[in-house]
């Protein structure tokens, strides 16, 4: 049931997050926040990575040109978060904030690196990436609290 968070986030993200009036400077990556949530709260890595890869692949099919870049980046983010989740207190808001910011840079760097290696024009970086990471962190924490209330994960390692 918890893995339904990612498809819902994907639908909201692909709809253009229209309730902000098309203001592109504040466009959070809801799918990334959902991937981080299921990677922190899930008990096994395989379903989290599979759902993350599928969400990234659907983003690739509906958006920017390099097929597979977002799929690999989302699966990589899910693996990293799942691998490191035993080292931190996962209910801490500060840990969740730093996790969202860190994986925002990790995902952006992975997608940019794959674009550079394939000689494909990459996604925008700079201020757009920074504003997206800030928006993801700002909206990710309230979403995490909402998801915790709905799904009541145990957060046991």
N, C-alpha and C. Protein backbone atom coordinates (compact mmCIF):
# COMPACT_ATOMS: atom_id res chain seq x y z
N UNK A 1 0.82 -1.20 0.00
CA UNK A 1 0.00 0.00 0.00
C UNK A 1 0.87 1.27 0.00
N UNK A 2 1.98 1.21 0.74
CA UNK A 2 2.85 2.36 0.84
C UNK A 2 3.45 2.74 -0.52
N UNK A 3 3.63 1.77 -1.39
CA UNK A 3 4.26 2.03 -2.68
C UNK A 3 3.35 2.80 -3.64
N UNK A 4 2.09 2.98 -3.29
CA UNK A 4 1.17 3.79 -4.10
C UNK A 4 1.50 5.27 -4.01
N UNK A 5 2.35 5.65 -3.06
CA UNK A 5 2.78 7.05 -2.92
C UNK A 5 3.48 7.51 -4.19
N UNK A 6 4.29 6.64 -4.78
CA UNK A 6 5.07 7.03 -5.97
C UNK A 6 4.17 7.28 -7.18
N UNK A 7 3.22 6.40 -7.53
CA UNK A 7 2.35 6.73 -8.67
C UNK A 7 1.52 7.99 -8.47
N UNK A 8 1.06 8.22 -7.25
CA UNK A 8 0.30 9.44 -6.97
C UNK A 8 1.19 10.66 -7.17
N UNK A 9 2.43 10.59 -6.67
CA UNK A 9 3.38 11.70 -6.86
C UNK A 9 3.69 11.90 -8.34
N UNK A 10 3.79 10.80 -9.08
CA UNK A 10 4.08 10.88 -10.52
C UNK A 10 2.94 11.57 -11.26
N UNK A 11 1.72 11.23 -10.92
CA UNK A 11 0.57 11.87 -11.56
C UNK A 11 0.55 13.36 -11.25
N UNK A 12 0.75 13.73 -9.98
CA UNK A 12 0.78 15.15 -9.62
C UNK A 12 1.92 15.88 -10.33
N UNK A 13 3.07 15.23 -10.42
CA UNK A 13 4.22 15.85 -11.07
C UNK A 13 3.98 16.03 -12.57
N UNK A 14 3.41 15.04 -13.22
CA UNK A 14 3.18 15.13 -14.66
C UNK A 14 2.04 16.07 -15.00
N UNK A 15 1.14 16.31 -14.07
CA UNK A 15 0.07 17.28 -14.31
C UNK A 15 0.60 18.71 -14.30
N UNK A 16 1.83 18.87 -13.93
CA UNK A 16 2.45 20.19 -13.98
C UNK A 16 2.35 20.96 -12.68
N UNK A 17 1.89 20.28 -11.62
CA UNK A 17 1.79 20.94 -10.32
C UNK A 17 1.05 22.25 -10.49
N UNK A 18 -0.08 22.20 -11.21
CA UNK A 18 -0.79 23.38 -11.65
C UNK A 18 -1.32 24.30 -10.59
N UNK A 19 -1.45 23.86 -9.34
CA UNK A 19 -2.01 24.75 -8.36
C UNK A 19 -1.03 25.82 -7.91
N UNK A 20 0.18 25.86 -8.48
CA UNK A 20 1.09 26.98 -8.25
C UNK A 20 1.05 27.96 -9.40
N UNK A 21 0.09 27.80 -10.29
CA UNK A 21 -0.11 28.75 -11.38
C UNK A 21 0.98 28.73 -12.43
N UNK A 22 1.66 27.60 -12.58
CA UNK A 22 2.69 27.49 -13.60
C UNK A 22 3.98 28.18 -13.24
N UNK A 23 4.18 28.51 -11.98
CA UNK A 23 5.40 29.19 -11.56
C UNK A 23 6.52 28.15 -11.52
N UNK A 24 7.33 28.12 -12.54
CA UNK A 24 8.33 27.08 -12.70
C UNK A 24 9.49 27.19 -11.71
N UNK A 25 9.69 28.35 -11.11
CA UNK A 25 10.81 28.49 -10.18
C UNK A 25 10.59 27.65 -8.92
N UNK A 26 9.35 27.43 -8.54
CA UNK A 26 9.02 26.64 -7.36
C UNK A 26 8.31 25.38 -7.81
N UNK A 27 9.06 24.45 -8.37
CA UNK A 27 8.48 23.20 -8.85
C UNK A 27 9.19 22.03 -8.16
N UNK A 28 8.60 21.52 -7.10
CA UNK A 28 9.25 20.43 -6.38
C UNK A 28 9.23 19.13 -7.18
N UNK A 29 10.19 18.29 -6.90
CA UNK A 29 10.26 16.96 -7.50
C UNK A 29 9.54 16.00 -6.56
N UNK A 30 8.24 15.89 -6.73
CA UNK A 30 7.42 15.07 -5.84
C UNK A 30 7.76 13.59 -5.95
N UNK A 31 8.17 13.17 -7.13
CA UNK A 31 8.52 11.77 -7.32
C UNK A 31 9.78 11.44 -6.51
N UNK A 32 10.74 12.35 -6.51
CA UNK A 32 11.96 12.14 -5.72
C UNK A 32 11.63 12.06 -4.23
N UNK A 33 10.75 12.92 -3.75
CA UNK A 33 10.35 12.88 -2.35
C UNK A 33 9.65 11.55 -2.02
N UNK A 34 8.82 11.06 -2.93
CA UNK A 34 8.14 9.79 -2.71
C UNK A 34 9.13 8.63 -2.72
N UNK A 35 10.11 8.68 -3.61
CA UNK A 35 11.14 7.64 -3.67
C UNK A 35 11.94 7.61 -2.36
N UNK A 36 12.29 8.78 -1.86
CA UNK A 36 13.01 8.84 -0.58
C UNK A 36 12.15 8.28 0.54
N UNK A 37 10.88 8.61 0.54
CA UNK A 37 9.98 8.12 1.60
C UNK A 37 9.90 6.59 1.59
N UNK A 38 9.64 5.99 0.43
CA UNK A 38 9.50 4.54 0.41
C UNK A 38 10.83 3.85 0.70
N UNK A 39 11.94 4.49 0.37
CA UNK A 39 13.25 3.90 0.66
C UNK A 39 13.56 3.97 2.15
N UNK A 40 13.10 5.01 2.83
CA UNK A 40 13.30 5.11 4.28
C UNK A 40 12.34 4.21 5.05
N UNK A 41 11.11 4.10 4.57
CA UNK A 41 10.08 3.39 5.33
C UNK A 41 9.91 1.93 4.93
N UNK A 42 10.42 1.54 3.78
CA UNK A 42 10.22 0.17 3.31
C UNK A 42 11.06 -0.84 4.07
N UNK A 43 10.63 -2.08 4.05
CA UNK A 43 11.36 -3.13 4.75
C UNK A 43 12.36 -3.85 3.85
N UNK A 44 12.10 -3.88 2.54
CA UNK A 44 12.98 -4.58 1.61
C UNK A 44 13.38 -3.64 0.48
N UNK A 45 14.61 -3.77 -0.03
CA UNK A 45 15.06 -2.84 -1.06
C UNK A 45 14.48 -3.10 -2.45
N UNK A 46 14.18 -4.34 -2.78
CA UNK A 46 13.79 -4.67 -4.15
C UNK A 46 12.50 -3.97 -4.58
N UNK A 47 11.42 -3.99 -3.77
CA UNK A 47 10.22 -3.27 -4.21
C UNK A 47 10.45 -1.76 -4.32
N UNK A 48 11.21 -1.19 -3.39
CA UNK A 48 11.47 0.26 -3.44
C UNK A 48 12.26 0.63 -4.69
N UNK A 49 13.27 -0.15 -5.02
CA UNK A 49 14.09 0.14 -6.21
C UNK A 49 13.28 -0.09 -7.48
N UNK A 50 12.48 -1.14 -7.52
CA UNK A 50 11.67 -1.43 -8.71
C UNK A 50 10.65 -0.33 -8.97
N UNK A 51 9.96 0.11 -7.92
CA UNK A 51 8.98 1.18 -8.07
C UNK A 51 9.68 2.48 -8.46
N UNK A 52 10.84 2.75 -7.88
CA UNK A 52 11.60 3.96 -8.21
C UNK A 52 12.06 3.94 -9.66
N UNK A 53 12.57 2.79 -10.12
CA UNK A 53 13.00 2.67 -11.51
C UNK A 53 11.83 2.87 -12.46
N UNK A 54 10.69 2.25 -12.16
CA UNK A 54 9.52 2.38 -13.03
C UNK A 54 9.04 3.84 -13.10
N UNK A 55 9.05 4.52 -11.97
CA UNK A 55 8.64 5.94 -11.97
C UNK A 55 9.61 6.78 -12.80
N UNK A 56 10.90 6.53 -12.64
CA UNK A 56 11.89 7.25 -13.43
C UNK A 56 11.75 6.97 -14.92
N UNK A 57 11.44 5.72 -15.27
CA UNK A 57 11.26 5.37 -16.68
C UNK A 57 10.04 6.07 -17.27
N UNK A 58 8.96 6.17 -16.49
CA UNK A 58 7.78 6.89 -16.97
C UNK A 58 8.08 8.38 -17.14
N UNK A 59 8.90 8.94 -16.25
CA UNK A 59 9.33 10.34 -16.43
C UNK A 59 10.12 10.48 -17.72
N UNK A 60 11.00 9.51 -17.99
CA UNK A 60 11.79 9.55 -19.22
C UNK A 60 10.90 9.47 -20.46
N UNK A 61 9.88 8.64 -20.41
CA UNK A 61 8.99 8.50 -21.57
C UNK A 61 8.18 9.77 -21.83
N UNK A 62 7.92 10.53 -20.79
CA UNK A 62 7.04 11.70 -20.95
C UNK A 62 7.78 13.03 -20.99
N UNK A 63 9.09 13.00 -20.91
CA UNK A 63 9.78 14.29 -20.81
C UNK A 63 11.05 14.37 -21.62
N UNK A 64 12.07 14.81 -20.94
CA UNK A 64 13.37 15.12 -21.53
C UNK A 64 13.97 13.92 -22.22
N UNK A 65 14.81 14.13 -23.20
CA UNK A 65 15.25 13.20 -24.20
C UNK A 65 16.03 11.95 -23.90
N UNK A 66 16.89 11.87 -22.92
CA UNK A 66 17.75 10.70 -22.75
C UNK A 66 16.99 9.59 -22.04
N UNK A 67 16.58 8.59 -22.81
CA UNK A 67 15.77 7.50 -22.29
C UNK A 67 16.57 6.66 -21.30
N UNK A 68 16.06 6.52 -20.10
CA UNK A 68 16.70 5.71 -19.08
C UNK A 68 17.48 6.50 -18.03
N UNK A 69 17.74 7.78 -18.28
CA UNK A 69 18.55 8.56 -17.34
C UNK A 69 17.83 8.74 -16.01
N UNK A 70 16.58 9.14 -16.04
CA UNK A 70 15.83 9.31 -14.79
C UNK A 70 15.56 7.97 -14.12
N UNK A 71 15.36 6.93 -14.89
CA UNK A 71 15.13 5.60 -14.32
C UNK A 71 16.35 5.14 -13.53
N UNK A 72 17.53 5.28 -14.12
CA UNK A 72 18.76 4.89 -13.44
C UNK A 72 19.01 5.78 -12.22
N UNK A 73 18.77 7.08 -12.38
CA UNK A 73 19.00 8.01 -11.27
C UNK A 73 18.06 7.73 -10.10
N UNK A 74 16.79 7.49 -10.38
CA UNK A 74 15.83 7.19 -9.31
C UNK A 74 16.16 5.87 -8.62
N UNK A 75 16.52 4.85 -9.40
CA UNK A 75 16.89 3.57 -8.80
C UNK A 75 18.16 3.71 -7.97
N UNK A 76 19.11 4.50 -8.46
CA UNK A 76 20.34 4.74 -7.70
C UNK A 76 20.08 5.48 -6.40
N UNK A 77 19.23 6.48 -6.46
CA UNK A 77 18.86 7.23 -5.24
C UNK A 77 18.19 6.29 -4.24
N UNK A 78 17.29 5.45 -4.72
CA UNK A 78 16.60 4.52 -3.84
C UNK A 78 17.58 3.56 -3.17
N UNK A 79 18.53 3.04 -3.94
CA UNK A 79 19.54 2.14 -3.38
C UNK A 79 20.41 2.84 -2.33
N UNK A 80 20.85 4.05 -2.61
CA UNK A 80 21.70 4.79 -1.68
C UNK A 80 20.95 5.07 -0.39
N UNK A 81 19.72 5.56 -0.51
CA UNK A 81 18.94 5.88 0.70
C UNK A 81 18.66 4.61 1.49
N UNK A 82 18.31 3.53 0.82
CA UNK A 82 18.04 2.28 1.53
C UNK A 82 19.30 1.76 2.22
N UNK A 83 20.44 1.88 1.56
CA UNK A 83 21.69 1.40 2.15
C UNK A 83 22.10 2.21 3.37
N UNK A 84 21.84 3.50 3.36
CA UNK A 84 22.26 4.37 4.46
C UNK A 84 21.21 4.55 5.54
N UNK A 85 20.04 4.01 5.35
CA UNK A 85 18.95 4.28 6.29
C UNK A 85 19.17 3.69 7.67
N UNK A 86 19.97 2.66 7.79
CA UNK A 86 20.24 2.07 9.09
C UNK A 86 21.17 2.91 9.95
N UNK A 87 21.82 3.89 9.35
CA UNK A 87 22.79 4.72 10.08
C UNK A 87 22.17 5.94 10.73
N UNK A 88 20.92 6.22 10.44
CA UNK A 88 20.31 7.46 10.92
C UNK A 88 18.98 7.18 11.61
N UNK A 89 18.57 8.11 12.42
CA UNK A 89 17.25 8.05 13.05
C UNK A 89 16.25 8.60 12.03
N UNK A 90 15.47 7.72 11.43
CA UNK A 90 14.66 8.09 10.28
C UNK A 90 13.43 8.91 10.61
N UNK A 91 13.08 9.04 11.85
CA UNK A 91 11.94 9.89 12.21
C UNK A 91 12.35 11.34 12.40
N UNK A 92 13.64 11.61 12.43
CA UNK A 92 14.13 12.96 12.65
C UNK A 92 13.85 13.84 11.43
N UNK A 93 13.26 15.01 11.67
CA UNK A 93 12.96 15.93 10.57
C UNK A 93 14.24 16.48 9.96
N UNK A 94 15.26 16.69 10.77
CA UNK A 94 16.53 17.21 10.27
C UNK A 94 17.20 16.19 9.35
N UNK A 95 17.15 14.92 9.73
CA UNK A 95 17.72 13.86 8.87
C UNK A 95 16.96 13.78 7.56
N UNK A 96 15.65 13.87 7.63
CA UNK A 96 14.85 13.83 6.40
C UNK A 96 15.15 15.03 5.50
N UNK A 97 15.32 16.20 6.11
CA UNK A 97 15.64 17.40 5.34
C UNK A 97 16.98 17.24 4.63
N UNK A 98 18.01 16.82 5.37
CA UNK A 98 19.33 16.62 4.75
C UNK A 98 19.30 15.51 3.71
N UNK A 99 18.49 14.50 3.94
CA UNK A 99 18.37 13.42 2.96
C UNK A 99 17.75 13.94 1.67
N UNK A 100 16.69 14.72 1.77
CA UNK A 100 16.05 15.27 0.57
C UNK A 100 17.00 16.19 -0.20
N UNK A 101 17.73 17.02 0.50
CA UNK A 101 18.67 17.93 -0.17
C UNK A 101 19.80 17.12 -0.81
N UNK A 102 20.35 16.16 -0.08
CA UNK A 102 21.45 15.36 -0.61
C UNK A 102 21.07 14.56 -1.84
N UNK A 103 19.91 13.90 -1.79
CA UNK A 103 19.50 13.11 -2.95
C UNK A 103 19.06 14.00 -4.11
N UNK A 104 18.64 15.21 -3.82
CA UNK A 104 18.35 16.15 -4.91
C UNK A 104 19.60 16.45 -5.72
N UNK A 105 20.70 16.70 -5.01
CA UNK A 105 21.98 16.91 -5.70
C UNK A 105 22.48 15.63 -6.36
N UNK A 106 22.30 14.50 -5.69
CA UNK A 106 22.74 13.22 -6.26
C UNK A 106 21.99 12.91 -7.55
N UNK A 107 20.67 13.04 -7.54
CA UNK A 107 19.89 12.76 -8.74
C UNK A 107 20.24 13.74 -9.86
N UNK A 108 20.33 15.04 -9.53
CA UNK A 108 20.71 16.02 -10.55
C UNK A 108 22.08 15.74 -11.14
N UNK A 109 23.02 15.36 -10.29
CA UNK A 109 24.37 15.04 -10.76
C UNK A 109 24.40 13.79 -11.63
N UNK A 110 23.64 12.77 -11.24
CA UNK A 110 23.61 11.54 -12.05
C UNK A 110 23.00 11.78 -13.43
N UNK A 111 21.91 12.52 -13.47
CA UNK A 111 21.26 12.80 -14.77
C UNK A 111 22.18 13.67 -15.62
N UNK A 112 22.81 14.67 -15.02
CA UNK A 112 23.73 15.53 -15.78
C UNK A 112 24.91 14.72 -16.29
N UNK A 113 25.47 13.82 -15.47
CA UNK A 113 26.61 13.00 -15.89
C UNK A 113 26.23 12.07 -17.04
N UNK A 114 25.05 11.45 -16.96
CA UNK A 114 24.62 10.57 -18.06
C UNK A 114 24.42 11.37 -19.35
N UNK A 115 23.90 12.58 -19.23
CA UNK A 115 23.73 13.42 -20.42
C UNK A 115 25.08 13.81 -20.99
N UNK A 116 26.03 14.15 -20.13
CA UNK A 116 27.37 14.54 -20.61
C UNK A 116 28.08 13.37 -21.27
N UNK A 117 27.96 12.18 -20.71
CA UNK A 117 28.61 11.01 -21.28
C UNK A 117 27.99 10.57 -22.60
N UNK A 118 26.73 10.87 -22.81
CA UNK A 118 26.06 10.47 -24.04
C UNK A 118 26.02 11.58 -25.08
N UNK A 119 26.64 12.73 -24.77
CA UNK A 119 26.65 13.90 -25.66
C UNK A 119 25.24 14.37 -26.00
N UNK A 120 24.33 14.21 -25.06
CA UNK A 120 22.95 14.68 -25.20
C UNK A 120 22.82 15.98 -24.43
N UNK A 121 22.09 16.95 -24.97
CA UNK A 121 21.87 18.17 -24.17
C UNK A 121 21.20 17.80 -22.85
N UNK A 122 21.81 18.22 -21.77
CA UNK A 122 21.33 17.85 -20.45
C UNK A 122 20.21 18.73 -19.95
N UNK A 123 19.68 18.37 -18.82
CA UNK A 123 18.63 19.18 -18.20
C UNK A 123 19.22 20.47 -17.66
N UNK A 124 18.38 21.40 -17.36
CA UNK A 124 18.84 22.68 -16.83
C UNK A 124 19.48 22.47 -15.47
N UNK A 125 20.43 23.29 -15.16
CA UNK A 125 21.11 23.21 -13.86
C UNK A 125 21.08 24.58 -13.21
N UNK A 126 22.03 24.84 -12.36
CA UNK A 126 22.16 26.14 -11.73
C UNK A 126 21.01 26.47 -10.82
N UNK A 127 20.46 27.66 -11.01
CA UNK A 127 19.39 28.15 -10.12
C UNK A 127 18.14 27.30 -10.21
N UNK A 128 17.85 26.77 -11.38
CA UNK A 128 16.66 25.94 -11.52
C UNK A 128 16.79 24.67 -10.68
N UNK A 129 17.97 24.06 -10.70
CA UNK A 129 18.19 22.87 -9.88
C UNK A 129 18.13 23.20 -8.39
N UNK A 130 18.76 24.31 -8.00
CA UNK A 130 18.75 24.71 -6.59
C UNK A 130 17.33 25.02 -6.11
N UNK A 131 16.55 25.71 -6.94
CA UNK A 131 15.18 26.03 -6.53
C UNK A 131 14.33 24.77 -6.46
N UNK A 132 14.58 23.81 -7.35
CA UNK A 132 13.83 22.56 -7.30
C UNK A 132 14.17 21.76 -6.05
N UNK A 133 15.44 21.73 -5.68
CA UNK A 133 15.85 21.02 -4.47
C UNK A 133 15.25 21.68 -3.23
N UNK A 134 15.27 23.01 -3.18
CA UNK A 134 14.68 23.73 -2.04
C UNK A 134 13.18 23.49 -1.96
N UNK A 135 12.50 23.50 -3.10
CA UNK A 135 11.05 23.25 -3.11
C UNK A 135 10.74 21.82 -2.71
N UNK A 136 11.56 20.88 -3.15
CA UNK A 136 11.35 19.48 -2.78
C UNK A 136 11.53 19.29 -1.28
N UNK A 137 12.54 19.91 -0.72
CA UNK A 137 12.77 19.80 0.73
C UNK A 137 11.64 20.48 1.51
N UNK A 138 11.19 21.63 1.01
CA UNK A 138 10.14 22.38 1.73
C UNK A 138 8.81 21.62 1.73
N UNK A 139 8.45 21.00 0.61
CA UNK A 139 7.18 20.27 0.55
C UNK A 139 7.32 18.81 0.92
N UNK A 140 8.54 18.29 0.88
CA UNK A 140 8.75 16.88 1.21
C UNK A 140 8.50 16.57 2.66
N UNK A 141 8.91 17.45 3.55
CA UNK A 141 8.73 17.19 4.98
C UNK A 141 7.26 17.11 5.38
N UNK A 142 6.40 18.05 4.96
CA UNK A 142 4.97 17.89 5.29
C UNK A 142 4.35 16.63 4.67
N UNK A 143 4.79 16.28 3.46
CA UNK A 143 4.30 15.05 2.84
C UNK A 143 4.73 13.83 3.65
N UNK A 144 5.97 13.82 4.15
CA UNK A 144 6.44 12.71 4.97
C UNK A 144 5.57 12.55 6.22
N UNK A 145 5.23 13.67 6.86
CA UNK A 145 4.39 13.60 8.05
C UNK A 145 3.00 13.05 7.71
N UNK A 146 2.47 13.48 6.58
CA UNK A 146 1.17 12.99 6.14
C UNK A 146 1.23 11.49 5.83
N UNK A 147 2.27 11.07 5.14
CA UNK A 147 2.42 9.65 4.80
C UNK A 147 2.61 8.81 6.07
N UNK A 148 3.37 9.31 7.03
CA UNK A 148 3.56 8.59 8.29
C UNK A 148 2.23 8.38 9.00
N UNK A 149 1.38 9.37 8.94
CA UNK A 149 0.07 9.26 9.59
C UNK A 149 -0.80 8.23 8.87
N UNK A 150 -0.75 8.20 7.54
CA UNK A 150 -1.58 7.27 6.78
C UNK A 150 -1.09 5.83 6.88
N UNK A 151 0.23 5.63 6.72
CA UNK A 151 0.77 4.28 6.58
C UNK A 151 1.35 3.71 7.88
N UNK A 152 1.67 4.54 8.84
CA UNK A 152 2.22 4.15 10.13
C UNK A 152 3.36 3.13 9.98
N UNK A 153 4.44 3.51 9.29
CA UNK A 153 5.57 2.57 9.15
C UNK A 153 6.29 2.39 10.48
N UNK A 154 6.94 1.25 10.65
CA UNK A 154 7.60 0.97 11.92
C UNK A 154 9.00 1.55 11.98
N UNK A 155 9.65 1.80 10.85
CA UNK A 155 11.02 2.31 10.78
C UNK A 155 12.01 1.43 11.53
N UNK A 156 11.74 0.15 11.57
CA UNK A 156 12.70 -0.77 12.17
C UNK A 156 13.69 -1.19 11.11
N UNK A 157 14.95 -1.28 11.51
CA UNK A 157 16.00 -1.65 10.55
C UNK A 157 15.95 -3.13 10.22
